[in-house]
Amino acid sequence: MPELTAVCTPNSYPHEDGRVEHGYQLNVLDEGLAVVATVELPHWTSCDLDEAARHLSEAGFELHPGAEDGGWSPAGLGYRAAVARLSGAA
């Protein structure tokens, strides 16, 4: 099974207070960094990792079982986490 990574990144550079104006997006990437799925979150002004996990679930993915600290780690301007397809997801 290929390795999948979810990244939650802002669509614009954050202000000094961390707030963004153009929302966030979640991308699920395969080993070759090709985008497998995208969830647009234009209303977000900051990253809510619990909500991001819920949106991933709705898209057919789950944070890697057994991951520490909820699975998310800082990555550049956003966060990343190992994910797996939910059973029965295409």
C-alpha atoms as a PDB file:
ATOM      1  CA  MET A   1       0.000   0.000   0.000  1.00  0.00           C
ATOM      2  CA  PRO A   2       1.470   3.403  -0.958  1.00  0.00           C
ATOM      3  CA  GLU A   3       2.430   5.941   1.675  1.00  0.00           C
ATOM      4  CA  LEU A   4       0.017   8.878   1.843  1.00  0.00           C
ATOM      5  CA  THR A   5       0.598  12.241   3.498  1.00  0.00           C
ATOM      6  CA  ALA A   6      -1.964  14.928   4.271  1.00  0.00           C
ATOM      7  CA  VAL A   7      -0.839  18.552   4.336  1.00  0.00           C
ATOM      8  CA  CYS A   8      -2.864  21.453   5.699  1.00  0.00           C
ATOM      9  CA  THR A   9      -1.554  24.736   4.292  1.00  0.00           C
ATOM     10  CA  PRO A  10      -2.759  28.343   4.063  1.00  0.00           C
ATOM     11  CA  ASN A  11      -3.753  29.768   0.682  1.00  0.00           C
ATOM     12  CA  SER A  12      -2.044  33.067   1.524  1.00  0.00           C
ATOM     13  CA  TYR A  13       0.879  34.165   3.628  1.00  0.00           C
ATOM     14  CA  PRO A  14      -0.214  34.580   7.282  1.00  0.00           C
ATOM     15  CA  HIS A  15      -0.345  37.995   8.965  1.00  0.00           C
ATOM     16  CA  GLU A  16       1.863  38.602  12.012  1.00  0.00           C
ATOM     17  CA  ASP A  17      -0.958  37.280  14.243  1.00  0.00           C
ATOM     18  CA  GLY A  18      -1.058  34.011  12.239  1.00  0.00           C
ATOM     19  CA  ARG A  19      -4.412  34.769  10.584  1.00  0.00           C
ATOM     20  CA  VAL A  20      -4.825  34.171   6.833  1.00  0.00           C
ATOM     21  CA  GLU A  21      -7.266  35.857   4.477  1.00  0.00           C
ATOM     22  CA  HIS A  22      -7.771  33.237   1.775  1.00  0.00           C
ATOM     23  CA  GLY A  23      -8.422  30.108   3.788  1.00  0.00           C
ATOM     24  CA  TYR A  24      -6.638  26.793   3.900  1.00  0.00           C
ATOM     25  CA  GLN A  25      -6.612  23.606   1.917  1.00  0.00           C
ATOM     26  CA  LEU A  26      -5.975  19.986   2.714  1.00  0.00           C
ATOM     27  CA  ASN A  27      -4.110  17.949   0.136  1.00  0.00           C
ATOM     28  CA  VAL A  28      -3.465  14.223   0.310  1.00  0.00           C
ATOM     29  CA  LEU A  29      -0.239  13.360  -1.521  1.00  0.00           C
ATOM     30  CA  ASP A  30       1.126   9.998  -2.637  1.00  0.00           C
ATOM     31  CA  GLU A  31       4.780   8.882  -2.464  1.00  0.00           C
ATOM     32  CA  GLY A  32       5.583  10.769  -5.662  1.00  0.00           C
ATOM     33  CA  LEU A  33       3.956  13.944  -4.271  1.00  0.00           C
ATOM     34  CA  ALA A  34       1.032  13.718  -6.700  1.00  0.00           C
ATOM     35  CA  VAL A  35      -2.210  15.112  -5.286  1.00  0.00           C
ATOM     36  CA  VAL A  36      -4.670  12.285  -4.537  1.00  0.00           C
ATOM     37  CA  ALA A  37      -7.395  14.478  -2.979  1.00  0.00           C
ATOM     38  CA  THR A  38      -7.984  18.135  -2.115  1.00  0.00           C
ATOM     39  CA  VAL A  39     -10.390  19.714   0.367  1.00  0.00           C
ATOM     40  CA  GLU A  40     -10.803  23.487   0.058  1.00  0.00           C
ATOM     41  CA  LEU A  41     -11.415  25.366   3.313  1.00  0.00           C
ATOM     42  CA  PRO A  42     -11.822  28.990   2.144  1.00  0.00           C
ATOM     43  CA  HIS A  43     -13.567  30.161   5.333  1.00  0.00           C
ATOM     44  CA  TRP A  44     -10.722  29.158   7.678  1.00  0.00           C
ATOM     45  CA  THR A  45      -8.582  31.955   9.124  1.00  0.00           C
ATOM     46  CA  SER A  46      -6.405  29.541  11.137  1.00  0.00           C
ATOM     47  CA  CYS A  47      -5.719  25.808  11.025  1.00  0.00           C
ATOM     48  CA  ASP A  48      -7.939  23.629  13.223  1.00  0.00           C
ATOM     49  CA  LEU A  49      -6.282  20.207  13.189  1.00  0.00           C
ATOM     50  CA  ASP A  50      -9.240  18.384  14.771  1.00  0.00           C
ATOM     51  CA  GLU A  51     -11.527  19.807  12.076  1.00  0.00           C
ATOM     52  CA  ALA A  52      -8.913  18.948   9.432  1.00  0.00           C
ATOM     53  CA  ALA A  53      -9.018  15.315  10.583  1.00  0.00           C
ATOM     54  CA  ARG A  54     -12.824  15.355  10.289  1.00  0.00           C
ATOM     55  CA  HIS A  55     -12.658  16.755   6.754  1.00  0.00           C
ATOM     56  CA  LEU A  56     -10.102  14.086   5.820  1.00  0.00           C
ATOM     57  CA  SER A  57     -12.471  11.424   7.122  1.00  0.00           C
ATOM     58  CA  GLU A  58     -15.295  12.838   4.988  1.00  0.00           C
ATOM     59  CA  ALA A  59     -12.932  12.614   1.984  1.00  0.00           C
ATOM     60  CA  GLY A  60     -12.185   8.926   2.713  1.00  0.00           C
ATOM     61  CA  PHE A  61      -8.948   9.170   4.708  1.00  0.00           C
ATOM     62  CA  GLU A  62      -7.904   8.802   8.328  1.00  0.00           C
ATOM     63  CA  LEU A  63      -4.869   9.882  10.277  1.00  0.00           C
ATOM     64  CA  HIS A  64      -2.428   6.994  10.469  1.00  0.00           C
ATOM     65  CA  PRO A  65      -3.555   4.699  13.282  1.00  0.00           C
ATOM     66  CA  GLY A  66      -1.191   4.820  16.242  1.00  0.00           C
ATOM     67  CA  ALA A  67       0.288   8.209  15.341  1.00  0.00           C
ATOM     68  CA  GLU A  68       1.575  10.244  18.273  1.00  0.00           C
ATOM     69  CA  ASP A  69       0.334  13.762  19.122  1.00  0.00           C
ATOM     70  CA  GLY A  70      -2.788  13.365  17.000  1.00  0.00           C
ATOM     71  CA  GLY A  71      -0.653  12.611  13.965  1.00  0.00           C
ATOM     72  CA  TRP A  72      -0.007  16.211  12.866  1.00  0.00           C
ATOM     73  CA  SER A  73       3.432  17.848  12.879  1.00  0.00           C
ATOM     74  CA  PRO A  74       4.497  21.362  11.822  1.00  0.00           C
ATOM     75  CA  ALA A  75       5.673  21.649   8.215  1.00  0.00           C
ATOM     76  CA  GLY A  76       6.604  25.035   6.795  1.00  0.00           C
ATOM     77  CA  LEU A  77       3.552  27.317   7.043  1.00  0.00           C
ATOM     78  CA  GLY A  78       1.226  24.392   7.749  1.00  0.00           C
ATOM     79  CA  TYR A  79       1.070  20.866   9.101  1.00  0.00           C
ATOM     80  CA  ARG A  80       1.483  17.339   7.787  1.00  0.00           C
ATOM     81  CA  ALA A  81       0.354  13.900   8.877  1.00  0.00           C
ATOM     82  CA  ALA A  82       0.577  10.331   7.621  1.00  0.00           C
ATOM     83  CA  VAL A  83      -2.831   9.119   6.484  1.00  0.00           C
ATOM     84  CA  ALA A  84      -4.453   5.943   5.206  1.00  0.00           C
ATOM     85  CA  ARG A  85      -7.516   5.341   3.081  1.00  0.00           C
ATOM     86  CA  LEU A  86     -10.573   4.370   5.077  1.00  0.00           C
ATOM     87  CA  SER A  87     -11.713   0.792   4.519  1.00  0.00           C
ATOM     88  CA  GLY A  88     -14.008   0.679   1.527  1.00  0.00           C
ATOM     89  CA  ALA A  89     -12.870   4.079   0.184  1.00  0.00           C
ATOM     90  CA  ALA A  90     -11.971   4.154  -3.504  1.00  0.00           C
END
